Amino acid sequence: MTSYVTKAVIPAAGLGTRFLPATKAMPKEMLPVVDKPAIQYVVEEAVSSGLSDVLMITGRNKNALENHFDRNAELEDALEKKGDRDKLLKVSYSTSLADMHYVRQGDPKGLGHAVLRAKMHIGHEPFAVLLGDDIIDARDPLLARMLEVQHALNTTVVALMEVPPESIHLYGAAAVVETDDDDVVRITGLVEKPSRENAPSNYAVIGRYVLRPEIFDILEKTEPGKGGEIQLTDALEGLATAPAWTGGVHGVIFRGRRYDTGDRLDYLKAIVQMAVAREDLGPELLPWLKEFATNAGPAETAPIPTFPALPVAVPAPAAAAAAAAATPKPRVKTAAAKVAPTHELVPAPVA
C-alpha cells in the first residue's frame, strides 16, 4: 500500500429498529449475509485495503460484536476434537483478522458524534470510516482507490454513487466539479438528505470515507442538524469550504456493486446476490431462483399471516367516542336537589 493511513473506524452503535424484532437482543451488524455476519464483510474490506487497526464504535447490548472477533476456546476445542478443520478455520479466522478496539458511543447523537468518539484513538493521522450497513463487493474495490486518492492529494475523500433523483432524499448529496480523473471529483458543497428539488446533484454519499484529522475540530463545533443529531455530512460541508491548507474534500465515484444491509429489502437482495456468486451455493441456487421466478403462483405469493396476530388498532376518533360512551355521565343538580351541608374545619381544642 502506498497510503500512510493505517486505522479504520466502524460506527456500529445503531439500534437497528428497521429489523425488529430480530434486533431486539442481537446487534443488526450481526445479521448474517449468507453465513457471515454483515460486520465481518466490512472488517475484511478494511484489512484487504491494508488497514489492520480497527476501532469499532459500539453501544449498549452490542457485546456480540466483541465476542465475534474474540476467541471462543470451548467451541474451538470441540471442533478440534471432532476433527472438523474447515469449521475451525472459519471460527478462528475472525479472531486473527485485525487488531480490534472498541469504544462506546454513549448517547446516540448521530454519525458525526460517533466519529468524534474516535479522536483519542486516531490522534493526528488521516483515517478511514466504514459504515457497517454498506457492504462493498470484494470484486469491486472501493476503499483501496480512496486511499490512493487521499495519499496523492492529501485530502479528505468520500465515496459517491449516482442514484435516481427520486432517491436522493435518502442520502447526503454532493455538489461536484470534475477533475482530470474520470472517477474523481472535487466536492464544493454537501447537503444532508435534501429534497429532490433542492439537491445539488444526484451524487449520493455512501458509507466510505477517508478523513483528515481536521474533521475532529469541525465536529466539536458542529451543531445538531437533521433529526437533532450531529451529522458527519454537515462537518464535511465545513471542510469542503475551509481554507486550502485543509486539503478540501474530493469524491471517488463508485460504479460497482454495493449492498445496503440497513434496508430489509436490500438486505434480502444482498443475500441472494452474494449467495449466487458463491461456488458452493450458486450452481444450485441460481437455477432454483429462475424456476421460482417463472412459476411462482398464488400459492407461493400468498401473504403469510403474522404471529402473534396483533389486535387492530381503533382509529382515534372512534376510540374517543367509545370511551365517552363508556364513561358514566355526571348527575346534574336541579333546583329541587338537596345540597349537602358544608362543614367548616376548626382547630381541635388544646388540652
Protein backbone atom coordinates (compact mmCIF):
# COMPACT_ATOMS: atom_id res chain seq x y z
CA MET A 1 0.00 0.00 0.00
CA THR A 2 1.20 3.48 -0.83
CA SER A 3 -1.13 5.20 1.65
CA TYR A 4 0.04 6.02 5.15
CA VAL A 5 -3.48 5.55 6.52
CA THR A 6 -3.37 2.66 8.97
CA LYS A 7 -6.56 2.93 11.05
CA ALA A 8 -10.21 2.26 10.32
CA VAL A 9 -13.25 3.33 12.33
CA ILE A 10 -16.53 1.40 12.08
CA PRO A 11 -19.55 3.06 13.73
CA ALA A 12 -21.82 0.26 14.98
CA ALA A 13 -23.95 1.75 17.76
CA GLY A 14 -27.30 1.94 15.92
CA LEU A 15 -30.38 0.23 17.34
CA GLY A 16 -31.45 -1.45 14.09
CA THR A 17 -35.12 -0.64 14.59
CA ARG A 18 -35.95 -1.47 10.96
CA PHE A 19 -35.20 -5.12 11.70
CA LEU A 20 -37.21 -5.54 14.89
CA PRO A 21 -37.91 -7.95 16.47
CA ALA A 22 -34.76 -9.70 15.16
CA THR A 23 -32.57 -6.93 16.58
CA LYS A 24 -34.26 -6.79 19.97
CA ALA A 25 -31.43 -8.81 21.51
CA MET A 26 -28.96 -9.13 18.61
CA PRO A 27 -26.99 -6.26 17.04
CA LYS A 28 -28.11 -5.54 13.49
CA GLU A 29 -24.46 -5.77 12.41
CA MET A 30 -24.55 -9.47 13.37
CA LEU A 31 -27.37 -10.32 10.97
CA PRO A 32 -25.97 -12.99 8.64
CA VAL A 33 -25.36 -12.36 4.96
CA VAL A 34 -25.31 -15.97 3.79
CA ASP A 35 -23.09 -17.44 6.54
CA LYS A 36 -21.10 -14.46 7.82
CA PRO A 37 -22.34 -11.51 9.86
CA ALA A 38 -22.55 -8.26 7.90
CA ILE A 39 -19.92 -6.61 10.09
CA GLN A 40 -17.28 -9.20 9.14
CA TYR A 41 -17.50 -8.24 5.47
CA VAL A 42 -16.77 -4.64 6.46
CA VAL A 43 -13.78 -5.55 8.62
CA GLU A 44 -12.45 -7.79 5.84
CA GLU A 45 -12.67 -4.87 3.41
CA ALA A 46 -10.63 -2.67 5.73
CA VAL A 47 -8.00 -5.37 6.19
CA SER A 48 -7.77 -6.13 2.46
CA SER A 49 -7.08 -2.41 1.92
CA GLY A 50 -4.14 -2.50 4.34
CA LEU A 51 -5.90 -1.27 7.49
CA SER A 52 -5.44 -3.79 10.28
CA ASP A 53 -6.07 -1.40 13.21
CA VAL A 54 -9.87 -1.27 13.56
CA LEU A 55 -11.80 0.76 16.12
CA MET A 56 -15.48 -0.14 16.46
CA ILE A 57 -17.87 2.42 17.96
CA THR A 58 -20.46 0.38 19.83
CA GLY A 59 -23.30 0.87 22.30
CA ARG A 60 -25.30 -0.96 24.89
CA ASN A 61 -26.30 -4.56 24.07
CA LYS A 62 -23.53 -4.83 21.45
CA ASN A 63 -21.38 -7.38 23.28
CA ALA A 64 -21.93 -9.91 20.49
CA LEU A 65 -19.72 -7.80 18.22
CA GLU A 66 -16.77 -8.11 20.57
CA ASN A 67 -17.47 -11.80 21.13
CA HIS A 68 -17.47 -12.49 17.39
CA PHE A 69 -13.95 -11.12 16.94
CA ASP A 70 -12.68 -12.76 20.13
CA ARG A 71 -11.69 -16.37 20.72
CA ASN A 72 -14.24 -18.98 21.69
CA ALA A 73 -11.93 -21.54 23.27
CA GLU A 74 -14.70 -24.04 24.08
CA LEU A 75 -16.03 -24.06 20.51
CA GLU A 76 -12.55 -24.27 19.02
CA ASP A 77 -11.68 -27.17 21.32
CA ALA A 78 -14.86 -29.03 20.42
CA LEU A 79 -14.22 -28.61 16.68
CA GLU A 80 -10.59 -29.67 17.14
CA LYS A 81 -11.65 -32.87 18.91
CA LYS A 82 -14.18 -33.64 16.16
CA GLY A 83 -11.50 -33.11 13.53
CA ASP A 84 -13.66 -30.53 11.76
CA ARG A 85 -10.83 -28.41 10.39
CA ASP A 86 -12.99 -26.45 7.92
CA LYS A 87 -15.31 -25.06 10.59
CA LEU A 88 -12.39 -24.50 12.97
CA LEU A 89 -10.67 -22.31 10.37
CA LYS A 90 -13.87 -20.32 9.83
CA VAL A 91 -14.26 -19.72 13.56
CA SER A 92 -10.64 -18.77 14.20
CA TYR A 93 -10.35 -16.59 11.08
CA SER A 94 -12.34 -13.68 12.52
CA THR A 95 -10.25 -13.84 15.71
CA SER A 96 -6.99 -13.03 13.93
CA LEU A 97 -8.48 -10.84 11.22
CA ALA A 98 -7.48 -7.45 12.68
CA ASP A 99 -6.25 -5.65 15.77
CA MET A 100 -9.70 -4.81 17.16
CA HIS A 101 -10.51 -1.99 19.59
CA TYR A 102 -13.86 -0.87 21.00
CA VAL A 103 -15.32 2.28 22.50
CA ARG A 104 -18.94 3.04 23.33
CA GLN A 105 -20.72 5.99 21.82
CA GLY A 106 -22.87 6.59 24.90
CA ASP A 107 -25.62 8.96 23.81
CA PRO A 108 -26.94 8.27 20.29
CA LYS A 109 -26.20 11.70 18.85
CA GLY A 110 -25.61 10.76 15.24
CA LEU A 111 -22.84 9.61 12.92
CA GLY A 112 -20.76 12.74 13.45
CA HIS A 113 -20.79 12.19 17.20
CA ALA A 114 -19.82 8.53 16.72
CA VAL A 115 -16.82 9.52 14.59
CA LEU A 116 -15.82 12.12 17.18
CA ARG A 117 -15.59 9.34 19.79
CA ALA A 118 -12.61 8.00 17.82
CA LYS A 119 -10.49 11.11 18.34
CA MET A 120 -8.31 9.77 21.17
CA HIS A 121 -7.58 6.55 19.28
CA ILE A 122 -6.84 8.22 15.94
CA GLY A 123 -4.69 11.13 17.10
CA HIS A 124 -3.36 13.35 14.29
CA GLU A 125 -3.49 10.89 11.40
CA PRO A 126 -5.86 10.51 8.47
CA PHE A 127 -8.16 7.53 8.91
CA ALA A 128 -10.91 5.58 7.16
CA VAL A 129 -14.54 5.30 8.23
CA LEU A 130 -16.62 2.34 7.05
CA LEU A 131 -20.33 2.14 7.82
CA GLY A 132 -21.50 -1.31 8.83
CA ASP A 133 -24.73 -1.02 6.80
CA ASP A 134 -22.86 -0.81 3.49
CA ILE A 135 -21.18 -3.89 2.08
CA ILE A 136 -18.96 -3.27 -0.94
CA ASP A 137 -18.49 -6.31 -3.15
CA ALA A 138 -14.92 -7.58 -2.85
CA ARG A 139 -14.80 -7.87 -6.65
CA ASP A 140 -15.20 -4.08 -6.96
CA PRO A 141 -12.54 -2.45 -4.69
CA LEU A 142 -13.51 1.00 -3.44
CA LEU A 143 -11.60 1.76 -0.25
CA ALA A 144 -8.22 0.98 -1.81
CA ARG A 145 -8.91 3.53 -4.56
CA MET A 146 -9.99 6.12 -1.98
CA LEU A 147 -6.75 5.60 -0.08
CA GLU A 148 -4.77 6.17 -3.28
CA VAL A 149 -6.57 9.46 -3.92
CA GLN A 150 -6.10 10.59 -0.31
CA HIS A 151 -2.38 9.88 -0.47
CA ALA A 152 -1.94 11.60 -3.83
CA LEU A 153 -3.89 14.76 -2.97
CA ASN A 154 -3.54 14.83 0.85
CA THR A 155 -7.27 15.46 1.01
CA THR A 156 -10.44 14.17 2.62
CA VAL A 157 -12.18 11.64 0.39
CA VAL A 158 -15.78 10.42 0.40
CA ALA A 159 -17.39 7.71 -1.71
CA LEU A 160 -20.09 8.86 -4.13
CA MET A 161 -22.61 6.86 -6.09
CA GLU A 162 -25.06 8.08 -8.70
CA VAL A 163 -28.63 7.33 -7.60
CA PRO A 164 -32.02 8.05 -9.20
CA PRO A 165 -33.11 11.65 -8.49
CA GLU A 166 -36.20 10.41 -6.64
CA SER A 167 -33.95 8.59 -4.14
CA ILE A 168 -31.51 11.41 -3.32
CA HIS A 169 -33.55 12.44 -0.26
CA LEU A 170 -32.30 9.28 1.45
CA TYR A 171 -28.65 10.35 1.28
CA GLY A 172 -26.25 13.22 1.66
CA ALA A 173 -25.91 14.90 -1.75
CA ALA A 174 -22.73 16.46 -3.13
CA ALA A 175 -22.13 19.45 -5.37
CA VAL A 176 -19.16 18.45 -7.54
CA VAL A 177 -16.61 19.77 -10.02
CA GLU A 178 -14.91 17.37 -12.44
CA THR A 179 -11.16 16.69 -12.33
CA ASP A 180 -8.74 15.09 -14.78
CA ASP A 181 -9.59 11.65 -13.36
CA ASP A 182 -12.81 10.09 -14.61
CA ASP A 183 -13.71 8.69 -11.18
CA VAL A 184 -12.57 11.64 -9.02
CA VAL A 185 -14.42 14.91 -8.43
CA ARG A 186 -13.83 17.90 -6.18
CA ILE A 187 -16.69 18.48 -3.77
CA THR A 188 -17.75 22.09 -3.27
CA GLY A 189 -20.77 21.52 -1.05
CA LEU A 190 -22.82 18.85 0.75
CA VAL A 191 -26.44 18.70 1.85
CA GLU A 192 -27.86 16.07 4.21
CA LYS A 193 -30.97 14.34 2.80
CA PRO A 194 -32.21 17.16 0.57
CA SER A 195 -35.49 17.14 -1.31
CA ARG A 196 -35.26 16.26 -4.98
CA GLU A 197 -35.78 19.90 -5.90
CA ASN A 198 -33.03 21.18 -3.58
CA ALA A 199 -30.41 18.51 -4.25
CA PRO A 200 -27.20 19.90 -5.81
CA SER A 201 -26.80 16.67 -7.81
CA ASN A 202 -27.80 13.03 -7.72
CA TYR A 203 -24.35 12.01 -6.48
CA ALA A 204 -25.06 10.41 -3.11
CA VAL A 205 -22.57 9.95 -0.29
CA ILE A 206 -22.32 6.26 0.61
CA GLY A 207 -20.72 4.67 3.64
CA ARG A 208 -16.99 5.03 2.98
CA TYR A 209 -14.80 7.96 4.00
CA VAL A 210 -11.10 8.72 4.32
CA LEU A 211 -10.86 11.71 6.63
CA ARG A 212 -8.08 14.08 7.59
CA PRO A 213 -7.84 14.65 11.35
CA GLU A 214 -9.08 18.25 10.96
CA ILE A 215 -12.55 16.74 10.86
CA PHE A 216 -12.46 16.37 14.65
CA ASP A 217 -12.06 20.12 15.21
CA ILE A 218 -15.05 20.78 12.96
CA LEU A 219 -17.18 18.06 14.56
CA GLU A 220 -16.58 19.54 18.00
CA LYS A 221 -18.16 22.79 16.80
CA THR A 222 -20.92 21.27 14.64
CA GLU A 223 -24.42 21.95 15.92
CA PRO A 224 -27.08 19.22 15.74
CA GLY A 225 -28.70 19.14 12.31
CA LYS A 226 -31.27 16.83 10.72
CA GLY A 227 -33.05 14.72 13.33
CA GLY A 228 -31.36 16.63 16.15
CA GLU A 229 -28.13 14.70 15.52
CA ILE A 230 -24.56 15.77 14.81
CA GLN A 231 -24.28 14.99 11.11
CA LEU A 232 -20.97 14.00 9.56
CA THR A 233 -22.24 15.50 6.28
CA ASP A 234 -22.51 18.93 7.94
CA ALA A 235 -18.91 18.69 9.16
CA LEU A 236 -17.73 17.65 5.69
CA GLU A 237 -19.55 20.66 4.27
CA GLY A 238 -17.46 22.82 6.60
CA LEU A 239 -14.29 21.07 5.46
CA ALA A 240 -15.21 21.47 1.79
CA THR A 241 -15.43 25.24 2.22
CA ALA A 242 -12.44 25.55 4.60
CA PRO A 243 -9.08 27.13 3.70
CA ALA A 244 -6.99 25.34 1.06
CA TRP A 245 -4.41 24.08 3.58
CA THR A 246 -7.01 21.65 4.96
CA GLY A 247 -6.95 19.80 1.63
CA GLY A 248 -10.63 20.25 0.84
CA VAL A 249 -12.90 17.31 0.05
CA HIS A 250 -12.82 15.04 -3.01
CA GLY A 251 -15.12 12.26 -4.05
CA VAL A 252 -14.44 8.90 -5.66
CA ILE A 253 -17.37 7.87 -7.86
CA PHE A 254 -18.17 4.21 -7.28
CA ARG A 255 -19.77 2.27 -10.12
CA GLY A 256 -19.51 -1.21 -8.65
CA ARG A 257 -21.71 -3.47 -6.55
CA ARG A 258 -22.91 -2.18 -3.19
CA TYR A 259 -25.36 -3.84 -0.80
CA ASP A 260 -27.34 -1.76 1.69
CA THR A 261 -27.96 -4.20 4.53
CA GLY A 262 -29.67 -1.50 6.61
CA ASP A 263 -32.82 -1.85 4.49
CA ARG A 264 -34.84 -5.06 4.73
CA LEU A 265 -35.47 -5.46 1.00
CA ASP A 266 -31.89 -4.61 0.04
CA TYR A 267 -30.67 -6.95 2.76
CA LEU A 268 -32.56 -9.83 1.16
CA LYS A 269 -31.24 -8.86 -2.27
CA ALA A 270 -27.71 -8.83 -0.85
CA ILE A 271 -28.08 -12.37 0.46
CA VAL A 272 -29.36 -13.62 -2.89
CA GLN A 273 -26.74 -11.81 -4.97
CA MET A 274 -23.83 -12.90 -2.81
CA ALA A 275 -25.07 -16.47 -2.49
CA VAL A 276 -25.45 -16.77 -6.28
CA ALA A 277 -21.79 -15.71 -6.65
CA ARG A 278 -20.61 -18.46 -4.28
CA GLU A 279 -19.08 -21.57 -5.83
CA ASP A 280 -20.64 -23.78 -3.16
CA LEU A 281 -24.16 -22.33 -3.45
CA GLY A 282 -24.59 -20.58 -6.78
CA PRO A 283 -24.77 -23.60 -9.11
CA GLU A 284 -27.83 -24.94 -7.28
CA LEU A 285 -29.38 -21.65 -6.13
CA LEU A 286 -29.48 -19.80 -9.46
CA PRO A 287 -31.48 -22.43 -11.40
CA TRP A 288 -33.93 -22.67 -8.50
CA LEU A 289 -34.36 -18.88 -8.44
CA LYS A 290 -35.08 -18.82 -12.18
CA GLU A 291 -37.64 -21.61 -11.82
CA PHE A 292 -39.29 -19.94 -8.83
CA ALA A 293 -39.48 -16.56 -10.57
CA THR A 294 -41.01 -18.17 -13.64
CA ASN A 295 -43.51 -20.49 -11.99
CA ALA A 296 -44.44 -18.79 -8.73
CA GLY A 297 -48.24 -18.61 -8.49
CA PRO A 298 -50.87 -17.51 -5.99
CA ALA A 299 -49.97 -20.27 -3.54
CA GLU A 300 -46.31 -19.16 -3.36
CA THR A 301 -47.03 -15.44 -3.17
CA ALA A 302 -50.00 -15.51 -0.79
CA PRO A 303 -49.42 -13.29 2.26
CA ILE A 304 -48.05 -15.13 5.28
CA PRO A 305 -50.06 -14.29 8.42
CA THR A 306 -48.07 -12.59 11.14
CA PHE A 307 -47.72 -14.25 14.52
CA PRO A 308 -48.93 -13.44 17.03
CA ALA A 309 -51.93 -11.76 15.46
CA LEU A 310 -51.95 -8.22 16.76
CA PRO A 311 -55.27 -6.54 17.58
CA VAL A 312 -56.40 -3.97 15.07
CA ALA A 313 -55.95 -0.51 16.48
CA VAL A 314 -59.15 1.50 16.81
CA PRO A 315 -58.94 4.84 14.98
CA ALA A 316 -58.53 7.75 17.35
CA PRO A 317 -61.96 9.43 16.77
CA ALA A 318 -63.82 6.13 17.17
CA ALA A 319 -61.81 5.24 20.26
CA ALA A 320 -62.59 8.62 21.81
CA ALA A 321 -66.30 8.22 21.08
CA ALA A 322 -66.29 4.71 22.57
CA ALA A 323 -64.51 5.94 25.68
CA ALA A 324 -67.01 8.77 26.06
CA ALA A 325 -69.95 6.39 25.75
CA ALA A 326 -68.49 4.08 28.37
CA THR A 327 -67.87 6.89 30.87
CA PRO A 328 -70.74 7.38 33.37
CA LYS A 329 -72.39 10.74 32.90
CA PRO A 330 -72.33 13.03 35.93
CA ARG A 331 -75.66 13.70 37.63
CA VAL A 332 -76.92 17.22 37.02
CA LYS A 333 -78.24 19.00 40.06
CA THR A 334 -81.61 20.69 39.83
CA ALA A 335 -83.12 23.42 41.94
CA ALA A 336 -85.03 20.83 43.93
CA ALA A 337 -82.00 18.74 44.63
CA LYS A 338 -80.77 18.71 48.18
CA VAL A 339 -77.43 20.35 48.76
CA ALA A 340 -75.17 18.54 51.16
CA PRO A 341 -74.30 20.70 54.20
CA THR A 342 -70.80 22.08 54.30
CA HIS A 343 -68.62 21.55 57.33
CA GLU A 344 -66.08 24.15 58.40
CA LEU A 345 -62.82 22.76 59.68
CA VAL A 346 -61.93 24.17 63.08
CA PRO A 347 -58.77 23.52 65.08
CA ALA A 348 -59.01 20.87 67.75
CA PRO A 349 -59.08 22.24 71.32
CA VAL A 350 -55.75 22.26 73.03
CA ALA A 351 -55.72 20.08 76.19
